[in-house]
C-alpha atoms as a PDB file:
ATOM      1  CA  MET A   1      19.911   7.394  10.256  1.00  0.00           C
ATOM      2  CA  LEU A   2      18.149   9.240  13.321  1.00  0.00           C
ATOM      3  CA  GLU A   3      17.482   7.583  16.383  1.00  0.00           C
ATOM      4  CA  TYR A   4      15.048   8.624  19.033  1.00  0.00           C
ATOM      5  CA  THR A   5      16.194   7.135  22.410  1.00  0.00           C
ATOM      6  CA  SER A   6      14.143   6.910  25.797  1.00  0.00           C
ATOM      7  CA  VAL A   7      14.992   5.144  29.047  1.00  0.00           C
ATOM      8  CA  ARG A   8      12.207   3.462  30.326  1.00  0.00           C
ATOM      9  CA  PRO A   9      11.376   3.248  34.224  1.00  0.00           C
ATOM     10  CA  GLU A  10      12.589  -0.207  34.414  1.00  0.00           C
ATOM     11  CA  GLU A  11      16.191   1.204  32.854  1.00  0.00           C
ATOM     12  CA  LEU A  12      15.680  -0.548  29.600  1.00  0.00           C
ATOM     13  CA  THR A  13      16.963   1.472  26.898  1.00  0.00           C
ATOM     14  CA  MET A  14      14.655   1.557  23.809  1.00  0.00           C
ATOM     15  CA  THR A  15      15.013   3.204  20.712  1.00  0.00           C
ATOM     16  CA  VAL A  16      12.943   4.381  17.488  1.00  0.00           C
ATOM     17  CA  THR A  17      15.500   4.064  14.546  1.00  0.00           C
ATOM     18  CA  LEU A  18      14.713   6.385  11.486  1.00  0.00           C
ATOM     19  CA  HIS A  19      16.502   5.318   8.221  1.00  0.00           C
ATOM     20  CA  LYS A  20      17.362   8.071   5.726  1.00  0.00           C
ATOM     21  CA  PHE A  21      14.828   8.904   3.254  1.00  0.00           C
ATOM     22  CA  PRO A  22      15.841   8.303  -0.463  1.00  0.00           C
ATOM     23  CA  GLU A  23      15.006  10.347  -3.381  1.00  0.00           C
ATOM     24  CA  ILE A  24      11.837   9.989  -4.793  1.00  0.00           C
ATOM     25  CA  LEU A  25      10.168  10.412  -8.304  1.00  0.00           C
ATOM     26  CA  GLU A  26       8.390  13.387  -9.203  1.00  0.00           C
ATOM     27  CA  THR A  27       4.505  13.348  -8.482  1.00  0.00           C
ATOM     28  CA  TYR A  28       3.476  13.127 -12.038  1.00  0.00           C
ATOM     29  CA  TYR A  29       3.813   9.353 -11.971  1.00  0.00           C
ATOM     30  CA  LEU A  30       1.516   9.335  -9.015  1.00  0.00           C
ATOM     31  CA  ASP A  31      -0.917  11.476 -10.802  1.00  0.00           C
ATOM     32  CA  GLU A  32      -1.061   9.167 -13.866  1.00  0.00           C
ATOM     33  CA  ALA A  33      -1.035   5.996 -11.550  1.00  0.00           C
ATOM     34  CA  ARG A  34      -4.315   6.992 -10.212  1.00  0.00           C
ATOM     35  CA  SER A  35      -5.703   6.313 -13.378  1.00  0.00           C
ATOM     36  CA  MET A  36      -4.636   2.942 -13.734  1.00  0.00           C
ATOM     37  CA  PRO A  37      -5.848  -0.138 -12.022  1.00  0.00           C
ATOM     38  CA  ALA A  38      -3.508  -2.289  -9.811  1.00  0.00           C
ATOM     39  CA  SER A  39      -4.171  -5.283 -12.157  1.00  0.00           C
ATOM     40  CA  TYR A  40      -2.519  -3.774 -15.006  1.00  0.00           C
ATOM     41  CA  TRP A  41       1.010  -3.449 -13.355  1.00  0.00           C
ATOM     42  CA  THR A  42       1.114  -7.072 -12.820  1.00  0.00           C
ATOM     43  CA  VAL A  43       0.914  -8.580 -16.214  1.00  0.00           C
ATOM     44  CA  GLY A  44       4.599  -9.966 -16.932  1.00  0.00           C
ATOM     45  CA  ASP A  45       6.173  -7.540 -14.896  1.00  0.00           C
ATOM     46  CA  LYS A  46       8.296  -9.090 -12.281  1.00  0.00           C
ATOM     47  CA  ALA A  47       9.052  -5.684 -10.594  1.00  0.00           C
ATOM     48  CA  ALA A  48       5.456  -5.417  -9.688  1.00  0.00           C
ATOM     49  CA  GLU A  49       4.265  -7.792  -7.495  1.00  0.00           C
ATOM     50  CA  SER A  50       0.707  -8.211  -5.267  1.00  0.00           C
ATOM     51  CA  ILE A  51       1.298  -8.343  -1.632  1.00  0.00           C
ATOM     52  CA  GLY A  52      -1.240 -11.085  -1.505  1.00  0.00           C
ATOM     53  CA  THR A  53      -4.501 -11.918  -0.027  1.00  0.00           C
ATOM     54  CA  GLY A  54      -5.809 -11.069   3.659  1.00  0.00           C
ATOM     55  CA  PHE A  55      -6.147  -7.302   3.018  1.00  0.00           C
ATOM     56  CA  SER A  56      -9.347  -5.303   2.657  1.00  0.00           C
ATOM     57  CA  ARG A  57      -9.717  -1.718   1.754  1.00  0.00           C
ATOM     58  CA  PHE A  58     -11.994  -0.071   4.419  1.00  0.00           C
ATOM     59  CA  THR A  59     -11.662   3.578   3.414  1.00  0.00           C
ATOM     60  CA  GLY A  60     -11.088   5.322   0.171  1.00  0.00           C
ATOM     61  CA  ASN A  61     -13.056   5.187  -3.362  1.00  0.00           C
ATOM     62  CA  ARG A  62     -10.104   6.155  -5.542  1.00  0.00           C
ATOM     63  CA  ILE A  63      -7.127   4.387  -6.678  1.00  0.00           C
ATOM     64  CA  MET A  64      -4.410   4.785  -4.063  1.00  0.00           C
ATOM     65  CA  ALA A  65      -0.997   5.630  -5.263  1.00  0.00           C
ATOM     66  CA  GLY A  66       2.046   6.680  -3.191  1.00  0.00           C
ATOM     67  CA  TRP A  67       5.601   6.036  -2.205  1.00  0.00           C
ATOM     68  CA  ALA A  68       6.063   3.278   0.319  1.00  0.00           C
ATOM     69  CA  LEU A  69       7.355   4.333   3.880  1.00  0.00           C
ATOM     70  CA  PRO A  70       7.878   0.949   5.747  1.00  0.00           C
ATOM     71  CA  ILE A  71       7.373   0.824   9.619  1.00  0.00           C
ATOM     72  CA  THR A  72       8.240  -1.869  12.081  1.00  0.00           C
ATOM     73  CA  CYS A  73       6.790  -1.985  15.453  1.00  0.00           C
ATOM     74  CA  ASP A  74       6.010  -4.568  18.333  1.00  0.00           C
ATOM     75  CA  LEU A  75       2.334  -5.973  18.295  1.00  0.00           C
ATOM     76  CA  GLY A  76      -0.028  -3.284  19.723  1.00  0.00           C
ATOM     77  CA  ASN A  77       2.532  -0.476  19.693  1.00  0.00           C
ATOM     78  CA  ASP A  78       1.895   2.688  17.515  1.00  0.00           C
ATOM     79  CA  PHE A  79       4.706   4.976  18.671  1.00  0.00           C
ATOM     80  CA  PRO A  80       6.821   4.696  15.627  1.00  0.00           C
ATOM     81  CA  ILE A  81       3.933   5.470  13.410  1.00  0.00           C
ATOM     82  CA  LEU A  82       3.300   8.760  15.297  1.00  0.00           C
ATOM     83  CA  VAL A  83       7.111   9.432  15.060  1.00  0.00           C
ATOM     84  CA  ALA A  84       7.071   8.798  11.303  1.00  0.00           C
ATOM     85  CA  LEU A  85       4.188  11.165  10.607  1.00  0.00           C
ATOM     86  CA  GLN A  86       5.533  13.835  12.782  1.00  0.00           C
ATOM     87  CA  TYR A  87       8.823  13.348  10.778  1.00  0.00           C
ATOM     88  CA  ILE A  88       7.182  13.783   7.528  1.00  0.00           C
ATOM     89  CA  PHE A  89       5.088  16.803   8.822  1.00  0.00           C
ATOM     90  CA  LYS A  90       8.135  18.467   9.773  1.00  0.00           C
ATOM     91  CA  ASN A  91      10.828  17.698   7.442  1.00  0.00           C
ATOM     92  CA  ILE A  92       9.474  16.490   4.140  1.00  0.00           C
ATOM     93  CA  SER A  93       8.127  19.032   1.833  1.00  0.00           C
ATOM     94  CA  SER A  94       7.169  16.884  -1.244  1.00  0.00           C
ATOM     95  CA  GLY A  95       6.060  13.535  -2.216  1.00  0.00           C
ATOM     96  CA  ARG A  96       2.936  11.710  -1.430  1.00  0.00           C
ATOM     97  CA  TRP A  97       3.248   8.523   0.832  1.00  0.00           C
ATOM     98  CA  VAL A  98       1.552   5.259   1.745  1.00  0.00           C
ATOM     99  CA  ILE A  99       2.585   4.055   5.252  1.00  0.00           C
ATOM    100  CA  VAL A 100       3.267   0.232   5.273  1.00  0.00           C
ATOM    101  CA  VAL A 101       3.286  -1.128   8.969  1.00  0.00           C
ATOM    102  CA  THR A 102       4.212  -4.631  10.027  1.00  0.00           C
ATOM    103  CA  GLU A 103       4.590  -5.990  13.478  1.00  0.00           C
ATOM    104  CA  THR A 104       7.231  -7.871  15.276  1.00  0.00           C
ATOM    105  CA  GLY A 105       5.072 -10.442  17.190  1.00  0.00           C
ATOM    106  CA  LYS A 106       6.914  -9.507  20.326  1.00  0.00           C
ATOM    107  CA  LYS A 107       3.386  -9.387  22.722  1.00  0.00           C
ATOM    108  CA  GLU A 108       1.221 -12.092  23.037  1.00  0.00           C
ATOM    109  CA  ARG A 109      -2.030 -10.250  22.100  1.00  0.00           C
ATOM    110  CA  GLY A 110      -2.049  -8.757  18.547  1.00  0.00           C
ATOM    111  CA  ASP A 111      -5.639  -7.465  17.907  1.00  0.00           C
ATOM    112  CA  TYR A 112      -5.080  -3.651  18.903  1.00  0.00           C
ATOM    113  CA  ALA A 113      -5.779  -1.182  16.073  1.00  0.00           C
ATOM    114  CA  LEU A 114      -2.434   0.430  14.863  1.00  0.00           C
ATOM    115  CA  TRP A 115      -4.201   2.985  12.787  1.00  0.00           C
ATOM    116  CA  ASN A 116      -6.967   5.313  13.568  1.00  0.00           C
ATOM    117  CA  HIS A 117      -8.700   8.623  12.281  1.00  0.00           C
ATOM    118  CA  LEU A 118      -6.101  10.850  14.191  1.00  0.00           C
ATOM    119  CA  LYS A 119      -3.223   9.119  12.060  1.00  0.00           C
ATOM    120  CA  SER A 120      -5.427   9.454   8.767  1.00  0.00           C
ATOM    121  CA  ALA A 121      -6.085  13.212   9.464  1.00  0.00           C
ATOM    122  CA  THR A 122      -2.418  14.123  10.487  1.00  0.00           C
ATOM    123  CA  GLY A 123      -1.134  11.934   7.801  1.00  0.00           C
ATOM    124  CA  TRP A 124      -3.184  13.618   5.214  1.00  0.00           C
ATOM    125  CA  GLU A 125      -1.936  17.105   6.146  1.00  0.00           C
ATOM    126  CA  ALA A 126       1.628  15.766   5.772  1.00  0.00           C
ATOM    127  CA  GLY A 127       0.936  14.084   2.317  1.00  0.00           C
ATOM    128  CA  VAL A 128       0.372  10.714   3.280  1.00  0.00           C
ATOM    129  CA  VAL A 129      -2.548   9.307   1.084  1.00  0.00           C
ATOM    130  CA  GLY A 130      -3.142   5.890   2.629  1.00  0.00           C
ATOM    131  CA  CYS A 131      -1.858   3.163   4.485  1.00  0.00           C
ATOM    132  CA  VAL A 132      -1.450  -0.701   4.458  1.00  0.00           C
ATOM    133  CA  VAL A 133      -1.548  -2.214   7.905  1.00  0.00           C
ATOM    134  CA  ASP A 134      -0.415  -5.894   8.339  1.00  0.00           C
ATOM    135  CA  GLY A 135      -2.747  -5.702  11.529  1.00  0.00           C
ATOM    136  CA  PHE A 136      -5.944  -3.738  12.451  1.00  0.00           C
ATOM    137  CA  ALA A 137      -7.295  -0.304  12.052  1.00  0.00           C
ATOM    138  CA  GLN A 138     -10.372   1.513  13.543  1.00  0.00           C
ATOM    139  CA  ASP A 139     -12.275   4.720  13.261  1.00  0.00           C
ATOM    140  CA  ILE A 140     -13.277   3.628   9.709  1.00  0.00           C
ATOM    141  CA  GLU A 141     -16.509   5.659   9.398  1.00  0.00           C
ATOM    142  CA  GLU A 142     -14.943   8.747  11.043  1.00  0.00           C
ATOM    143  CA  THR A 143     -12.237   8.734   8.297  1.00  0.00           C
ATOM    144  CA  THR A 144     -14.457   8.173   5.636  1.00  0.00           C
ATOM    145  CA  ASP A 145     -16.998  10.919   6.627  1.00  0.00           C
ATOM    146  CA  LYS A 146     -14.237  13.436   7.403  1.00  0.00           C
ATOM    147  CA  LEU A 147     -11.819  12.722   4.402  1.00  0.00           C
ATOM    148  CA  GLY A 148     -14.321  12.355   1.860  1.00  0.00           C
ATOM    149  CA  GLY A 149     -13.332   8.977   0.542  1.00  0.00           C
ATOM    150  CA  GLU A 150      -9.813  10.283  -0.527  1.00  0.00           C
ATOM    151  CA  PHE A 151      -7.795   8.626   2.286  1.00  0.00           C
ATOM    152  CA  CYS A 152      -7.163   4.770   1.878  1.00  0.00           C
ATOM    153  CA  ILE A 153      -7.196   2.238   4.629  1.00  0.00           C
ATOM    154  CA  TYR A 154      -5.908  -1.178   3.849  1.00  0.00           C
ATOM    155  CA  SER A 155      -5.696  -3.705   6.792  1.00  0.00           C
ATOM    156  CA  ARG A 156      -6.160  -7.253   7.739  1.00  0.00           C
ATOM    157  CA  GLY A 157      -9.395  -6.202   9.739  1.00  0.00           C
ATOM    158  CA  THR A 158     -10.800  -3.777  12.294  1.00  0.00           C
ATOM    159  CA  SER A 159     -10.720  -3.311  16.111  1.00  0.00           C
ATOM    160  CA  PRO A 160     -11.950  -0.892  18.572  1.00  0.00           C
ATOM    161  CA  ALA A 161      -8.880  -1.831  20.742  1.00  0.00           C
ATOM    162  CA  HIS A 162      -6.254   0.784  21.243  1.00  0.00           C
ATOM    163  CA  PRO A 163      -2.520   0.171  21.139  1.00  0.00           C
ATOM    164  CA  ASP A 164       0.234   0.830  23.763  1.00  0.00           C
ATOM    165  CA  ARG A 165       2.883   3.235  23.185  1.00  0.00           C
ATOM    166  CA  SER A 166       6.575   2.730  23.883  1.00  0.00           C
ATOM    167  CA  PRO A 167       9.690   4.135  22.086  1.00  0.00           C
ATOM    168  CA  SER A 168      10.730   1.468  19.921  1.00  0.00           C
ATOM    169  CA  GLY A 169      10.467   0.334  16.314  1.00  0.00           C
ATOM    170  CA  LEU A 170      12.083   1.072  13.060  1.00  0.00           C
ATOM    171  CA  ILE A 171      11.035   3.645  10.342  1.00  0.00           C
ATOM    172  CA  GLY A 172      12.289   3.491   6.669  1.00  0.00           C
ATOM    173  CA  ALA A 173      13.654  -0.257   7.161  1.00  0.00           C
ATOM    174  CA  PRO A 174      12.364  -2.846   4.677  1.00  0.00           C
ATOM    175  CA  VAL A 175       9.705  -4.790   5.609  1.00  0.00           C
ATOM    176  CA  GLU A 176       8.237  -8.043   4.210  1.00  0.00           C
ATOM    177  CA  ILE A 177       4.611  -8.888   3.640  1.00  0.00           C
ATOM    178  CA  ASN A 178       3.455 -12.175   2.395  1.00  0.00           C
ATOM    179  CA  GLY A 179       6.810 -12.861   0.831  1.00  0.00           C
ATOM    180  CA  VAL A 180       6.990  -9.443  -0.888  1.00  0.00           C
ATOM    181  CA  THR A 181       9.836  -7.007   0.341  1.00  0.00           C
ATOM    182  CA  ILE A 182       8.993  -3.256   0.491  1.00  0.00           C
ATOM    183  CA  HIS A 183      11.527  -0.640   0.457  1.00  0.00           C
ATOM    184  CA  THR A 184      11.252   3.185   1.212  1.00  0.00           C
ATOM    185  CA  GLY A 185      10.201   4.899  -2.023  1.00  0.00           C
ATOM    186  CA  ASP A 186       8.768   1.710  -3.899  1.00  0.00           C
ATOM    187  CA  LEU A 187       5.520   2.669  -5.626  1.00  0.00           C
ATOM    188  CA  ILE A 188       2.442   1.457  -3.923  1.00  0.00           C
ATOM    189  CA  ILE A 189      -0.798   1.009  -5.988  1.00  0.00           C
ATOM    190  CA  GLY A 190      -4.061  -0.042  -4.335  1.00  0.00           C
ATOM    191  CA  ASP A 191      -7.520  -0.537  -5.603  1.00  0.00           C
ATOM    192  CA  LEU A 192     -10.583  -3.118  -4.814  1.00  0.00           C
ATOM    193  CA  ASP A 193      -8.577  -5.596  -6.481  1.00  0.00           C
ATOM    194  CA  GLY A 194      -5.815  -5.332  -3.999  1.00  0.00           C
ATOM    195  CA  ILE A 195      -2.332  -3.824  -3.330  1.00  0.00           C
ATOM    196  CA  VAL A 196       0.541  -3.899  -5.741  1.00  0.00           C
ATOM    197  CA  ARG A 197       4.165  -3.005  -5.045  1.00  0.00           C
ATOM    198  CA  ILE A 198       6.548  -1.789  -7.797  1.00  0.00           C
ATOM    199  CA  LYS A 199      10.163  -1.668  -7.015  1.00  0.00           C
ATOM    200  CA  LYS A 200      11.555   1.834  -6.887  1.00  0.00           C
ATOM    201  CA  SER A 201      14.332   1.090  -9.598  1.00  0.00           C
ATOM    202  CA  HIS A 202      11.610  -0.142 -11.908  1.00  0.00           C
ATOM    203  CA  VAL A 203       8.740   2.475 -11.515  1.00  0.00           C
ATOM    204  CA  ILE A 204       9.469   4.336 -14.825  1.00  0.00           C
ATOM    205  CA  GLU A 205       9.544   1.084 -17.196  1.00  0.00           C
ATOM    206  CA  SER A 206       6.511  -0.436 -15.402  1.00  0.00           C
ATOM    207  CA  PHE A 207       4.654   2.791 -15.954  1.00  0.00           C
ATOM    208  CA  LYS A 208       5.444   2.555 -19.479  1.00  0.00           C
ATOM    209  CA  SER A 209       4.283  -1.088 -19.861  1.00  0.00           C
ATOM    210  CA  SER A 210       1.170  -0.671 -18.019  1.00  0.00           C
ATOM    211  CA  ARG A 211      -0.053   2.258 -20.117  1.00  0.00           C
ATOM    212  CA  GLU A 212       0.718   0.102 -23.250  1.00  0.00           C
ATOM    213  CA  LYS A 213      -1.504  -2.449 -21.511  1.00  0.00           C
ATOM    214  CA  ILE A 214      -4.259  -0.148 -21.054  1.00  0.00           C
ATOM    215  CA  ILE A 215      -4.337   0.960 -24.442  1.00  0.00           C
ATOM    216  CA  ASP A 216      -4.323  -2.669 -25.784  1.00  0.00           C
ATOM    217  CA  THR A 217      -7.299  -3.328 -23.555  1.00  0.00           C
ATOM    218  CA  VAL A 218      -9.083   0.081 -24.808  1.00  0.00           C
ATOM    219  CA  ASN A 219      -8.539  -1.308 -28.416  1.00  0.00           C
ATOM    220  CA  ARG A 220      -9.958  -4.592 -27.378  1.00  0.00           C
ATOM    221  CA  LEU A 221     -13.051  -3.295 -25.846  1.00  0.00           C
ATOM    222  CA  ALA A 222     -13.721  -1.496 -29.063  1.00  0.00           C
ATOM    223  CA  GLN A 223     -13.582  -4.579 -31.050  1.00  0.00           C
ATOM    224  CA  ILE A 224     -16.139  -6.188 -28.488  1.00  0.00           C
ATOM    225  CA  ARG A 225     -18.484  -3.388 -29.349  1.00  0.00           C
ATOM    226  CA  GLU A 226     -17.923  -4.178 -32.894  1.00  0.00           C
ATOM    227  CA  GLY A 227     -19.329  -7.670 -32.421  1.00  0.00           C
ATOM    228  CA  ARG A 228     -16.189  -9.821 -31.576  1.00  0.00           C
ATOM    229  CA  SER A 229     -15.875 -12.120 -28.735  1.00  0.00           C
ATOM    230  CA  ALA A 230     -13.067 -12.310 -26.059  1.00  0.00           C
ATOM    231  CA  MET A 231     -11.988 -15.636 -27.555  1.00  0.00           C
ATOM    232  CA  ASP A 232     -11.931 -14.105 -30.851  1.00  0.00           C
ATOM    233  CA  ILE A 233      -9.791 -10.981 -29.723  1.00  0.00           C
ATOM    234  CA  LEU A 234      -7.473 -13.046 -27.833  1.00  0.00           C
ATOM    235  CA  ASN A 235      -7.293 -15.856 -30.580  1.00  0.00           C
ATOM    236  CA  LEU A 236      -8.014 -18.711 -28.232  1.00  0.00           C
ATOM    237  CA  HIS A 237     -10.051 -21.026 -30.269  1.00  0.00           C
ATOM    238  CA  GLY A 238      -6.918 -22.948 -31.235  1.00  0.00           C
ATOM    239  CA  VAL A 239      -6.322 -23.752 -27.652  1.00  0.00           C
ATOM    240  CA  LEU A 240      -9.642 -25.773 -27.541  1.00  0.00           C
ATOM    241  CA  ASN A 241      -8.875 -27.617 -30.843  1.00  0.00           C
ATOM    242  CA  GLY A 242     -12.129 -29.361 -31.040  1.00  0.00           C
ATOM    243  CA  ASN A 243     -12.190 -30.245 -27.264  1.00  0.00           C
ATOM    244  CA  LEU A 244     -15.425 -28.589 -26.331  1.00  0.00           C
ATOM    245  CA  LYS A 245     -17.856 -30.953 -25.408  1.00  0.00           C
ATOM    246  CA  GLU A 246     -21.562 -30.429 -25.107  1.00  0.00           C
ATOM    247  CA  VAL A 247     -23.486 -32.382 -22.460  1.00  0.00           C
ATOM    248  CA  GLU A 248     -27.129 -32.791 -21.720  1.00  0.00           C
END
């Protein structure tokens, strides 16, 4: 665990704490995951959870897949995000990351944008493929124009207001969003349906299960082209059991 400590003018000691990064899986799983919609990971898989509603994808036109790096900061303080990006840029030579940011609520006003194009651009150079911000983002058009739709930004909304900066926060400590806990190294999948977290210890198992679901869906779509309905394919006629009533 590393700590960046600064003494403020008012003599309050504030610290950014960086937790050690765990070993991550090879990028093969990320390459394959970018062809697998988020919804296929959640069917009957307790290790894969949607982080819930309230987030929109503001940039990116492909499936986002990367290893989670959680960051906790005070409302409107983006300093620990900048420290994390710097650390990845200087010290991590492999892996593709999704920055997941939550705020502590220690300040009254929470509509400052914690993510902007500067972070998107520097993050992209360091291997960051997207972010999930439990707050606000900005520079949406600039990020889209200059990164060609490759970088994904998910947030609660957008804001032109810039954040404050003070040396405090946590990098790599677990965060919780909508009741879902996210650890460093968990797999984050995002598309237009939303965002899914797959526990690090279950990625390989969940990956195999999701591929089987995709193959099953492809087979079902082939049956639709042959003239069968979804009710036929899913064998759901018995569920109705004569209870379909037609009214004028």
